[in-house]
Amino acid sequence: MSHDDHDELVPLPTAGRVYSAQRRVRLGDASPGGRLRLDACARYLQDVANDDSRDAGSPNPTAWVARRTVLRVEHFPDYLDLLTMRTWCGGLGKRWAERRYSVTADSTESDRGVAGQAPLGHIEAATLWVHIDMNTMKPIAVPGDFAEQFGQAAAGRTISARLHLPTRPDEAAPTVITEWPLRFADFDVLGHMNNCVYWAIVEEQLARLRLLRAPLTITLEHHDAIDPGAGVLVSVIDRATGFDLWVSTDHDRVAAVVRATAH
C-alpha cells in the first residue's frame, strides 16, 4: 500500500507567486489530545487558497472544486501554535491546477524548546482544484490570465486529473461499514458537502486507531458530490500501516476514496 508519483509534493519555488498567511490553532480546531484536527487543517488550506485567489484578482475564486488532496503530516501542530501557511501553484492542466501548501508552526504559548518537547508542527499538502462553470457545475478551461498570475511558480510542470485509488473495497478484505449522518452545517455555498467534512470522517478513523500517528500521508480523491438528504455510508479496511476508506451514498455512488499510510 504505497503512495505513487501522483502524491509528489514539489518544493517551494525559487520564482513565481507564493502567498503567505498565518492562523492560530484555536479551541475548535484541536482534538481532545491537543493536536490540530485534519478537518480544521483542510479548512485552513481552502481558506488560504481562496484568499490568495482574491488577492491576485482572480475573477471567481469560488469556482474551483477539490478533485484530489494529499496531506503529508510530518508532525501535527498543537493547540495555540501559530501557523505560517505558504501556498503556490504546483502544476497546470487545461481545466485544473494544483495548489501546493506548506504549513509550519512558528511558535506556541508553551516552551517548545525544552528538551524532550515534541518537534514543531509541519504539514505539506497539495490539492488538485478543477475549474467549473458555476451554472452547470461542469469543468471549464482555467481563466485566461491564470497562467500569467500563478504559472511561473509551476516551472512548466503539467498535471493530470486522473484518479488512482480503487473505487471499491477488495471483497476478500474485512470491511467495516457505518452510516455517516449529515448535518445542515456540512454544506457550503455550492450546495454540496464541504471538503472539510470528508476530513472529519478521516478523523474518526484516527480516533479509532490510536497507534496510527505522524508521520503519515493521507490521500483523498473526490468522485462525486454529496447533496442534502443523501444517505451516506463509510466503508473501511484496516491495513498493516494504515487504512483505506470509501464514502458512498445510498444510491451506491462513490463520493470519495481515502488512503492513509504511516511512514
Foldseek 3Di string as FASTA:
>chain_A
DDDDPQLDADDFFPDADKDKDKDFAAPVQADPVFFGAQLSVVVVVLVSQLVVCVVLVPPDSVQKDWFKKKKFWADTAGHGFMKMKMKAWQADDFFKTKIKIKIWGDDGPDPQPDPPHDDTTIMIMMTIIGGADLVVRHTHGGDPCVCVRGVVRNVHHHDDSDDDDDQDDDPVFDKDKDWDDDDPVQADPSQFRDPSVVSVVVVVVCVVVVPQDPRKMKMKGFDDTHHPPWIWMKMWGADPFGIKIWIATPVRHTGMIMDMGHD
